[in-house]
Amino acid sequence: MKNEVCTIVVTYNRKELLKENIQALLAQTYNSFDILIIDNGSTDGTKDYINQYVKNNVYYYNTSKNLGGAGGFNYGIKKALENNYKYAWIMDDDTIPTEGALESLVNKKEILNNNFSYLCSLVKFTDGSLCKMNIPKINRKWLDYYQNIEKGLISIQTCSFVSCYINLEYAKKVGLPIKEFFIYGDDVEYTKRLSKCKNAFIDINSIVYHKMKTNTNTDIVHVEKERIDRSYYTYRNRFYIAKQDGTKEVFKYLLRYFYMKVKIVFRAKEKKFKRLWIITKGFWAGIFFDPKIEKTEEKKDK
């Protein structure tokens, strides 16, 4: 390990976006960090492209199969802990950080005197508006909300994995992201676990762009027909999260589940039956879905 900070980028068959991501990382004003590329078995020439960067502070790991975002981040954070990094800045391949994004996060780490579990960036869509998929959940306790706001920090409970700067001291305590989630909800579950262990914040001065096709969330009513199947993971994983949070959250989940079914019937423009089937399938799978949290420890120096 050359640096105490590593960037973890999970990628799968999006070489062109990965190119932009890497160029943005190499242009950071704070450059004392290593880059760990976690490739979920891409078949689009990603490995050949990365070879030109695999030197100095860039490391390439090929998982040999698509583990999903959840599996990729599980794998990456595990590698970060095994190699004794202190902080992991994690993101997808379609995240394009502004030049000062990491420097701001590192500065906030110093301001907080390392007293945080994670920090996240302000995530914008390509047109400069807030990215709807990546809006963190703000801490509702007013004192926690306001006490660091003059420093550019707002207390939060959860965030996405699009630019999340993790204090790995707390990752050792709470374990790894749940790889069985595959996609959707793994970021919410994991960052909630971390923020319960120690305070977390959004750094409004650290800005990244999420290069999605459209600025939408994962609402099954309006999601493109090609992505309907993915909603299975949304409703399965949300049920697991609700079960961990208690009866009140399970009740809220059930209300939302039935509401979304009604909304599909009246508002979905196409593939209504398929949308209803996928959400039902995810619901029933969530009843029995009970993955175990994996923990790991850093390697001891010899």
Foldseek 3Di string as FASTA:
>chain_A
DQALEEEEEEEAQPQVLLVLQVVLLVLAPDPRYAYEYEYQQHDNCNVVVCVVVPDDRYHYDYPNHQLAPLQSQLVVLQVSQQANHQKYWYAYSQKRWHRHQVVLLVVVCVVCVVQAFKEFEQEAAPVGHGQPAWDFAFDPPVCQQPVCVVVQKGWTQFTASHTMMGRCVLCQVQFGQFSVLRDAPSRRLVSNSRCVVGIYIYRHVTYMYRHDPDRDHVQLLEDDPVCLLVCLSHLLNLLLSQVVVDDVSNVVSVVVLVVSLVCNVPRRPDPSVVNNVSSVNSNVNNVVDDTDGHHDHYDDDD
